[in-house]
Amino acid sequence: MLQKIDHWIDQTLIDFKEERQSCARFTEKFSEYYTEEFLSKSYFVVVDNIPKPRFPELYQAGLGDFVDMEVAGITYKDTYFIKTPFAADISLHFHELVHVHQWSLLGAETFIKRYISEIQTYGYNDAPLETMAYSLQAKFIDNYAPTDVLSYVQNHL
């Protein structure tokens, strides 16, 4: 199933390649948190509907609630997707960039396996990969985010 999800992600990224926008546009806004190099290698796509794999195997694995859950954004590898009404929410971009770095550090197969395991074990709201992103997002909103988010994520995975 992991390979099937990974292939679906790769195809989705190809399908949206023309709509991708570089996160380098956030260099000034995020200069205290993310490096320019990291932002220039990260992308986002504004969409009306968040693309998600809807494989029967995911429902059979008990992930139906997650697959069907309405979300404002989702990250696949170096690219995240944001629903149109949330495109200007800079804190959501911050949150999704945490996931971009998690993907980068863990690699696709490990990230997918870990994310699924965490959702199954803890549920979405308490999944450690999500709680890390939400915690950093909240600190960003309150101006308390660590200055080097990339190192923080690496040290806390």
N, C-alpha and C. Protein backbone atom coordinates (compact mmCIF):
# COMPACT_ATOMS: atom_id res chain seq x y z
N MET A 1 0.82 -1.20 0.00
CA MET A 1 0.00 0.00 0.00
C MET A 1 0.86 1.26 0.00
N LEU A 2 2.03 1.20 0.67
CA LEU A 2 2.89 2.39 0.73
C LEU A 2 3.34 2.82 -0.66
N GLN A 3 3.73 1.85 -1.48
CA GLN A 3 4.16 2.18 -2.84
C GLN A 3 3.01 2.74 -3.67
N LYS A 4 1.82 2.21 -3.46
CA LYS A 4 0.64 2.70 -4.18
C LYS A 4 0.38 4.16 -3.82
N ILE A 5 0.47 4.48 -2.54
CA ILE A 5 0.28 5.87 -2.09
C ILE A 5 1.38 6.75 -2.67
N ASP A 6 2.62 6.28 -2.61
CA ASP A 6 3.75 7.06 -3.11
C ASP A 6 3.59 7.34 -4.61
N HIS A 7 3.18 6.34 -5.37
CA HIS A 7 2.96 6.55 -6.81
C HIS A 7 1.82 7.52 -7.06
N TRP A 8 0.75 7.42 -6.26
CA TRP A 8 -0.37 8.35 -6.40
C TRP A 8 0.11 9.78 -6.12
N ILE A 9 0.93 9.94 -5.09
CA ILE A 9 1.47 11.27 -4.76
C ILE A 9 2.30 11.80 -5.92
N ASP A 10 3.20 10.97 -6.44
CA ASP A 10 4.04 11.41 -7.56
C ASP A 10 3.18 11.84 -8.75
N GLN A 11 2.14 11.08 -9.06
CA GLN A 11 1.27 11.43 -10.18
C GLN A 11 0.51 12.73 -9.89
N THR A 12 0.08 12.91 -8.66
CA THR A 12 -0.63 14.13 -8.27
C THR A 12 0.29 15.34 -8.42
N LEU A 13 1.54 15.19 -8.02
CA LEU A 13 2.50 16.30 -8.15
C LEU A 13 2.76 16.62 -9.62
N ILE A 14 2.80 15.61 -10.45
CA ILE A 14 2.95 15.84 -11.90
C ILE A 14 1.72 16.56 -12.44
N ASP A 15 0.55 16.11 -12.03
CA ASP A 15 -0.71 16.70 -12.51
C ASP A 15 -0.82 18.18 -12.17
N PHE A 16 -0.24 18.59 -11.04
CA PHE A 16 -0.36 19.98 -10.59
C PHE A 16 0.93 20.79 -10.79
N LYS A 17 1.88 20.22 -11.53
CA LYS A 17 3.18 20.88 -11.69
C LYS A 17 3.06 22.31 -12.21
N GLU A 18 2.18 22.55 -13.14
CA GLU A 18 2.03 23.89 -13.74
C GLU A 18 1.43 24.90 -12.77
N GLU A 19 0.71 24.43 -11.77
CA GLU A 19 0.07 25.34 -10.81
C GLU A 19 0.94 25.60 -9.58
N ARG A 20 2.04 24.87 -9.46
CA ARG A 20 2.88 25.03 -8.28
C ARG A 20 3.47 26.44 -8.22
N GLN A 21 3.53 26.96 -7.00
CA GLN A 21 4.15 28.26 -6.75
C GLN A 21 5.29 28.06 -5.75
N SER A 22 6.37 28.75 -5.96
CA SER A 22 7.52 28.62 -5.08
C SER A 22 7.27 29.33 -3.75
N CYS A 23 7.69 28.68 -2.68
CA CYS A 23 7.59 29.30 -1.35
C CYS A 23 8.68 30.35 -1.14
N ALA A 24 9.53 30.54 -2.14
CA ALA A 24 10.53 31.61 -2.05
C ALA A 24 9.84 32.96 -1.87
N ARG A 25 8.58 33.05 -2.28
CA ARG A 25 7.84 34.30 -2.10
C ARG A 25 7.67 34.65 -0.62
N PHE A 26 7.88 33.67 0.27
CA PHE A 26 7.75 33.91 1.71
C PHE A 26 9.09 34.18 2.39
N THR A 27 10.15 34.36 1.61
CA THR A 27 11.48 34.52 2.18
C THR A 27 11.52 35.65 3.20
N GLU A 28 10.96 36.79 2.87
CA GLU A 28 10.99 37.92 3.81
C GLU A 28 10.14 37.63 5.04
N LYS A 29 8.95 37.12 4.83
CA LYS A 29 8.01 36.86 5.93
C LYS A 29 8.55 35.80 6.90
N PHE A 30 9.23 34.79 6.36
CA PHE A 30 9.71 33.68 7.18
C PHE A 30 11.22 33.71 7.41
N SER A 31 11.86 34.85 7.18
CA SER A 31 13.32 34.92 7.24
C SER A 31 13.89 34.48 8.59
N GLU A 32 13.15 34.66 9.66
CA GLU A 32 13.63 34.26 10.99
C GLU A 32 13.43 32.77 11.25
N TYR A 33 12.69 32.08 10.40
CA TYR A 33 12.27 30.72 10.69
C TYR A 33 12.79 29.67 9.72
N TYR A 34 12.77 29.99 8.42
CA TYR A 34 13.17 29.06 7.38
C TYR A 34 14.25 29.69 6.51
N THR A 35 15.17 28.87 6.02
CA THR A 35 16.22 29.39 5.15
C THR A 35 15.66 29.68 3.76
N GLU A 36 16.31 30.59 3.08
CA GLU A 36 15.91 30.92 1.71
C GLU A 36 16.04 29.69 0.81
N GLU A 37 17.09 28.91 1.03
CA GLU A 37 17.30 27.70 0.23
C GLU A 37 16.14 26.72 0.40
N PHE A 38 15.73 26.50 1.65
CA PHE A 38 14.61 25.59 1.91
C PHE A 38 13.34 26.10 1.23
N LEU A 39 13.05 27.37 1.38
CA LEU A 39 11.83 27.94 0.79
C LEU A 39 11.85 27.85 -0.73
N SER A 40 13.03 28.02 -1.33
CA SER A 40 13.12 27.97 -2.79
C SER A 40 12.92 26.56 -3.34
N LYS A 41 13.03 25.55 -2.47
CA LYS A 41 12.84 24.15 -2.88
C LYS A 41 11.50 23.60 -2.38
N SER A 42 10.64 24.48 -1.88
CA SER A 42 9.32 24.09 -1.37
C SER A 42 8.26 24.81 -2.20
N TYR A 43 7.11 24.15 -2.37
CA TYR A 43 6.09 24.67 -3.26
C TYR A 43 4.70 24.52 -2.66
N PHE A 44 3.77 25.31 -3.19
CA PHE A 44 2.37 25.15 -2.79
C PHE A 44 1.48 25.31 -4.01
N VAL A 45 0.28 24.75 -3.88
CA VAL A 45 -0.73 24.82 -4.93
C VAL A 45 -2.04 25.22 -4.25
N VAL A 46 -2.69 26.23 -4.79
CA VAL A 46 -4.00 26.64 -4.28
C VAL A 46 -5.06 25.88 -5.09
N VAL A 47 -5.94 25.19 -4.37
CA VAL A 47 -6.95 24.34 -5.01
C VAL A 47 -8.33 24.55 -4.39
N ASP A 48 -9.34 24.21 -5.15
CA ASP A 48 -10.70 24.23 -4.61
C ASP A 48 -10.97 22.98 -3.77
N ASN A 49 -10.36 21.87 -4.18
CA ASN A 49 -10.53 20.60 -3.47
C ASN A 49 -9.17 19.98 -3.19
N ILE A 50 -8.94 19.61 -1.96
CA ILE A 50 -7.67 19.00 -1.57
C ILE A 50 -7.59 17.59 -2.17
N PRO A 51 -6.53 17.31 -2.94
CA PRO A 51 -6.39 15.96 -3.49
C PRO A 51 -5.96 14.97 -2.40
N LYS A 52 -6.67 13.85 -2.33
CA LYS A 52 -6.35 12.79 -1.37
C LYS A 52 -6.53 11.44 -2.05
N PRO A 53 -5.68 10.49 -1.71
CA PRO A 53 -5.89 9.14 -2.25
C PRO A 53 -7.10 8.51 -1.56
N ARG A 54 -7.99 7.98 -2.33
CA ARG A 54 -9.20 7.37 -1.74
C ARG A 54 -9.22 5.87 -2.07
N PHE A 55 -8.15 5.21 -1.66
CA PHE A 55 -8.01 3.79 -1.93
C PHE A 55 -8.81 2.97 -0.92
N PRO A 56 -9.43 1.89 -1.37
CA PRO A 56 -10.16 1.01 -0.43
C PRO A 56 -9.27 0.53 0.72
N GLU A 57 -8.00 0.32 0.43
CA GLU A 57 -7.07 -0.17 1.47
C GLU A 57 -6.96 0.82 2.63
N LEU A 58 -7.06 2.11 2.34
CA LEU A 58 -6.98 3.11 3.41
C LEU A 58 -8.21 3.03 4.31
N TYR A 59 -9.35 2.81 3.71
CA TYR A 59 -10.58 2.66 4.51
C TYR A 59 -10.52 1.36 5.32
N GLN A 60 -10.02 0.30 4.70
CA GLN A 60 -9.90 -0.99 5.40
C GLN A 60 -8.91 -0.91 6.56
N ALA A 61 -7.93 -0.01 6.45
CA ALA A 61 -6.94 0.17 7.52
C ALA A 61 -7.45 1.09 8.63
N GLY A 62 -8.71 1.49 8.54
CA GLY A 62 -9.29 2.34 9.57
C GLY A 62 -9.00 3.82 9.41
N LEU A 63 -8.61 4.22 8.19
CA LEU A 63 -8.24 5.61 7.95
C LEU A 63 -9.32 6.39 7.20
N GLY A 64 -10.51 5.82 7.11
CA GLY A 64 -11.59 6.47 6.38
C GLY A 64 -11.94 7.85 6.90
N ASP A 65 -11.98 7.99 8.23
CA ASP A 65 -12.30 9.30 8.81
C ASP A 65 -11.27 10.34 8.40
N PHE A 66 -9.99 9.94 8.39
CA PHE A 66 -8.93 10.87 8.00
C PHE A 66 -9.05 11.21 6.51
N VAL A 67 -9.24 10.20 5.69
CA VAL A 67 -9.34 10.43 4.24
C VAL A 67 -10.52 11.35 3.91
N ASP A 68 -11.62 11.17 4.62
CA ASP A 68 -12.82 11.96 4.34
C ASP A 68 -12.86 13.30 5.09
N MET A 69 -11.93 13.52 5.99
CA MET A 69 -11.91 14.73 6.81
C MET A 69 -11.66 15.97 5.94
N GLU A 70 -12.41 17.02 6.20
CA GLU A 70 -12.19 18.30 5.51
C GLU A 70 -10.95 18.97 6.11
N VAL A 71 -10.00 19.31 5.28
CA VAL A 71 -8.79 19.98 5.74
C VAL A 71 -8.55 21.24 4.91
N ALA A 72 -7.83 22.18 5.49
CA ALA A 72 -7.49 23.41 4.79
C ALA A 72 -6.25 23.22 3.93
N GLY A 73 -5.40 22.26 4.31
CA GLY A 73 -4.17 22.02 3.57
C GLY A 73 -3.66 20.61 3.80
N ILE A 74 -2.79 20.16 2.89
CA ILE A 74 -2.15 18.85 3.03
C ILE A 74 -0.82 18.91 2.29
N THR A 75 0.16 18.19 2.80
CA THR A 75 1.50 18.21 2.22
C THR A 75 1.85 16.86 1.63
N TYR A 76 2.41 16.88 0.42
CA TYR A 76 2.96 15.70 -0.23
C TYR A 76 4.38 16.04 -0.67
N LYS A 77 5.33 15.48 0.01
CA LYS A 77 6.75 15.68 -0.30
C LYS A 77 7.12 17.16 -0.22
N ASP A 78 7.58 17.76 -1.32
CA ASP A 78 8.04 19.15 -1.28
C ASP A 78 6.94 20.16 -1.63
N THR A 79 5.71 19.66 -1.75
CA THR A 79 4.60 20.51 -2.19
C THR A 79 3.40 20.33 -1.27
N TYR A 80 2.79 21.45 -0.93
CA TYR A 80 1.55 21.35 -0.16
C TYR A 80 0.42 22.02 -0.92
N PHE A 81 -0.77 21.56 -0.63
CA PHE A 81 -1.99 22.03 -1.27
C PHE A 81 -2.82 22.77 -0.24
N ILE A 82 -3.31 23.95 -0.61
CA ILE A 82 -4.12 24.77 0.28
C ILE A 82 -5.43 25.11 -0.43
N LYS A 83 -6.52 24.96 0.31
CA LYS A 83 -7.82 25.34 -0.26
C LYS A 83 -7.87 26.85 -0.46
N THR A 84 -8.50 27.25 -1.54
CA THR A 84 -8.58 28.65 -1.94
C THR A 84 -8.93 29.61 -0.81
N PRO A 85 -9.93 29.33 0.03
CA PRO A 85 -10.27 30.31 1.09
C PRO A 85 -9.16 30.54 2.11
N PHE A 86 -8.17 29.62 2.16
CA PHE A 86 -7.10 29.71 3.15
C PHE A 86 -5.76 30.14 2.55
N ALA A 87 -5.76 30.49 1.28
CA ALA A 87 -4.51 30.79 0.58
C ALA A 87 -3.72 31.94 1.21
N ALA A 88 -4.40 32.88 1.82
CA ALA A 88 -3.72 34.04 2.43
C ALA A 88 -3.36 33.81 3.89
N ASP A 89 -3.68 32.64 4.44
CA ASP A 89 -3.39 32.35 5.85
C ASP A 89 -1.91 31.97 5.99
N ILE A 90 -1.10 32.95 6.35
CA ILE A 90 0.35 32.74 6.41
C ILE A 90 0.73 31.69 7.46
N SER A 91 -0.05 31.59 8.53
CA SER A 91 0.26 30.59 9.55
C SER A 91 0.02 29.17 9.03
N LEU A 92 -0.93 29.01 8.11
CA LEU A 92 -1.15 27.70 7.50
C LEU A 92 0.02 27.33 6.60
N HIS A 93 0.55 28.30 5.87
CA HIS A 93 1.75 28.05 5.07
C HIS A 93 2.89 27.62 5.99
N PHE A 94 3.03 28.31 7.12
CA PHE A 94 4.06 27.97 8.10
C PHE A 94 3.90 26.51 8.53
N HIS A 95 2.69 26.13 8.89
CA HIS A 95 2.37 24.76 9.34
C HIS A 95 2.75 23.74 8.26
N GLU A 96 2.31 23.97 7.05
CA GLU A 96 2.57 23.00 5.97
C GLU A 96 4.06 22.91 5.65
N LEU A 97 4.79 24.00 5.82
CA LEU A 97 6.24 23.94 5.61
C LEU A 97 6.93 23.07 6.65
N VAL A 98 6.38 22.99 7.84
CA VAL A 98 6.91 22.03 8.83
C VAL A 98 6.80 20.63 8.25
N HIS A 99 5.65 20.31 7.65
CA HIS A 99 5.47 18.99 7.05
C HIS A 99 6.40 18.77 5.85
N VAL A 100 6.64 19.79 5.06
CA VAL A 100 7.59 19.65 3.95
C VAL A 100 8.94 19.19 4.49
N HIS A 101 9.37 19.80 5.59
CA HIS A 101 10.67 19.43 6.16
C HIS A 101 10.62 18.02 6.76
N GLN A 102 9.52 17.66 7.39
CA GLN A 102 9.38 16.30 7.91
C GLN A 102 9.50 15.29 6.78
N TRP A 103 8.82 15.53 5.67
CA TRP A 103 8.92 14.66 4.50
C TRP A 103 10.37 14.56 4.04
N SER A 104 11.05 15.70 3.98
CA SER A 104 12.42 15.74 3.50
C SER A 104 13.35 14.91 4.38
N LEU A 105 13.18 15.05 5.68
CA LEU A 105 14.05 14.34 6.62
C LEU A 105 13.77 12.84 6.67
N LEU A 106 12.50 12.48 6.64
CA LEU A 106 12.13 11.07 6.80
C LEU A 106 12.14 10.30 5.48
N GLY A 107 11.97 10.98 4.38
CA GLY A 107 11.81 10.30 3.10
C GLY A 107 10.35 9.86 2.95
N ALA A 108 9.95 9.63 1.72
CA ALA A 108 8.53 9.38 1.43
C ALA A 108 8.00 8.13 2.13
N GLU A 109 8.66 7.00 1.96
CA GLU A 109 8.12 5.76 2.52
C GLU A 109 8.04 5.82 4.04
N THR A 110 9.09 6.32 4.68
CA THR A 110 9.09 6.40 6.14
C THR A 110 8.04 7.39 6.62
N PHE A 111 7.93 8.54 5.95
CA PHE A 111 6.91 9.51 6.35
C PHE A 111 5.52 8.91 6.24
N ILE A 112 5.21 8.30 5.11
CA ILE A 112 3.87 7.73 4.89
C ILE A 112 3.58 6.66 5.95
N LYS A 113 4.53 5.75 6.15
CA LYS A 113 4.34 4.68 7.13
C LYS A 113 4.13 5.26 8.53
N ARG A 114 4.96 6.21 8.91
CA ARG A 114 4.85 6.80 10.24
C ARG A 114 3.54 7.58 10.40
N TYR A 115 3.18 8.35 9.39
CA TYR A 115 1.96 9.15 9.47
C TYR A 115 0.74 8.25 9.62
N ILE A 116 0.67 7.20 8.82
CA ILE A 116 -0.45 6.26 8.92
C ILE A 116 -0.49 5.63 10.31
N SER A 117 0.66 5.18 10.78
CA SER A 117 0.74 4.56 12.11
C SER A 117 0.28 5.52 13.20
N GLU A 118 0.72 6.77 13.11
CA GLU A 118 0.34 7.77 14.12
C GLU A 118 -1.16 8.05 14.08
N ILE A 119 -1.74 8.15 12.90
CA ILE A 119 -3.18 8.39 12.79
C ILE A 119 -3.95 7.21 13.38
N GLN A 120 -3.49 5.99 13.08
CA GLN A 120 -4.16 4.80 13.61
C GLN A 120 -4.03 4.70 15.13
N THR A 121 -2.87 5.07 15.66
CA THR A 121 -2.60 4.92 17.09
C THR A 121 -3.17 6.05 17.92
N TYR A 122 -2.97 7.28 17.47
CA TYR A 122 -3.32 8.46 18.28
C TYR A 122 -4.52 9.25 17.77
N GLY A 123 -4.88 9.04 16.51
CA GLY A 123 -5.88 9.89 15.89
C GLY A 123 -5.20 11.14 15.34
N TYR A 124 -5.87 11.82 14.44
CA TYR A 124 -5.28 12.98 13.78
C TYR A 124 -4.82 14.05 14.75
N ASN A 125 -5.67 14.43 15.69
CA ASN A 125 -5.36 15.56 16.58
C ASN A 125 -4.17 15.31 17.50
N ASP A 126 -3.87 14.05 17.79
CA ASP A 126 -2.77 13.74 18.70
C ASP A 126 -1.59 13.06 18.02
N ALA A 127 -1.63 12.95 16.71
CA ALA A 127 -0.51 12.35 15.97
C ALA A 127 0.72 13.24 16.12
N PRO A 128 1.85 12.69 16.57
CA PRO A 128 3.04 13.51 16.84
C PRO A 128 3.51 14.39 15.67
N LEU A 129 3.44 13.91 14.44
CA LEU A 129 3.85 14.75 13.32
C LEU A 129 2.93 15.97 13.20
N GLU A 130 1.65 15.77 13.48
CA GLU A 130 0.70 16.89 13.45
C GLU A 130 0.86 17.80 14.66
N THR A 131 1.03 17.22 15.83
CA THR A 131 1.15 18.08 17.02
C THR A 131 2.39 18.95 16.93
N MET A 132 3.46 18.43 16.32
CA MET A 132 4.66 19.26 16.12
C MET A 132 4.32 20.45 15.23
N ALA A 133 3.65 20.19 14.11
CA ALA A 133 3.32 21.28 13.17
C ALA A 133 2.35 22.27 13.80
N TYR A 134 1.35 21.78 14.51
CA TYR A 134 0.38 22.68 15.15
C TYR A 134 1.03 23.49 16.27
N SER A 135 1.92 22.86 17.01
CA SER A 135 2.61 23.56 18.10
C SER A 135 3.48 24.69 17.55
N LEU A 136 4.24 24.39 16.51
CA LEU A 136 5.09 25.42 15.90
C LEU A 136 4.25 26.52 15.25
N GLN A 137 3.14 26.14 14.65
CA GLN A 137 2.23 27.13 14.06
C GLN A 137 1.69 28.06 15.14
N ALA A 138 1.29 27.51 16.27
CA ALA A 138 0.77 28.34 17.37
C ALA A 138 1.84 29.27 17.90
N LYS A 139 3.07 28.77 17.99
CA LYS A 139 4.18 29.62 18.46
C LYS A 139 4.47 30.72 17.45
N PHE A 140 4.36 30.39 16.16
CA PHE A 140 4.56 31.40 15.12
C PHE A 140 3.50 32.50 15.25
N ILE A 141 2.26 32.10 15.43
CA ILE A 141 1.17 33.07 15.58
C ILE A 141 1.44 33.99 16.77
N ASP A 142 1.97 33.40 17.85
CA ASP A 142 2.25 34.17 19.07
C ASP A 142 3.65 34.78 19.08
N ASN A 143 4.36 34.67 17.95
CA ASN A 143 5.74 35.17 17.83
C ASN A 143 6.71 34.47 18.78
N TYR A 144 6.47 33.19 19.07
CA TYR A 144 7.35 32.43 19.94
C TYR A 144 8.01 31.25 19.24
N ALA A 145 7.89 31.17 17.95
CA ALA A 145 8.47 30.03 17.23
C ALA A 145 9.98 30.06 17.36
N PRO A 146 10.61 28.88 17.42
CA PRO A 146 12.07 28.86 17.45
C PRO A 146 12.61 29.49 16.17
N THR A 147 13.71 30.18 16.27
CA THR A 147 14.20 30.87 15.09
C THR A 147 14.65 29.91 14.00
N ASP A 148 15.16 28.76 14.37
CA ASP A 148 15.60 27.79 13.37
C ASP A 148 14.64 26.60 13.36
N VAL A 149 13.55 26.75 12.65
CA VAL A 149 12.52 25.72 12.61
C VAL A 149 13.08 24.42 12.03
N LEU A 150 13.94 24.51 11.03
CA LEU A 150 14.47 23.31 10.39
C LEU A 150 15.25 22.45 11.39
N SER A 151 16.09 23.08 12.20
CA SER A 151 16.83 22.33 13.22
C SER A 151 15.89 21.79 14.29
N TYR A 152 14.92 22.59 14.69
CA TYR A 152 13.95 22.15 15.70
C TYR A 152 13.24 20.88 15.23
N VAL A 153 12.76 20.89 14.00
CA VAL A 153 12.05 19.72 13.47
C VAL A 153 12.99 18.52 13.44
N GLN A 154 14.20 18.73 12.95
CA GLN A 154 15.16 17.63 12.86
C GLN A 154 15.45 17.04 14.24
N ASN A 155 15.58 17.88 15.24
CA ASN A 155 15.91 17.41 16.59
C ASN A 155 14.73 16.79 17.33
N HIS A 156 13.52 16.99 16.83
CA HIS A 156 12.34 16.50 17.54
C HIS A 156 11.56 15.43 16.77
N LEU A 157 12.12 14.93 15.69
CA LEU A 157 11.44 13.85 14.96
C LEU A 157 11.61 12.52 15.69
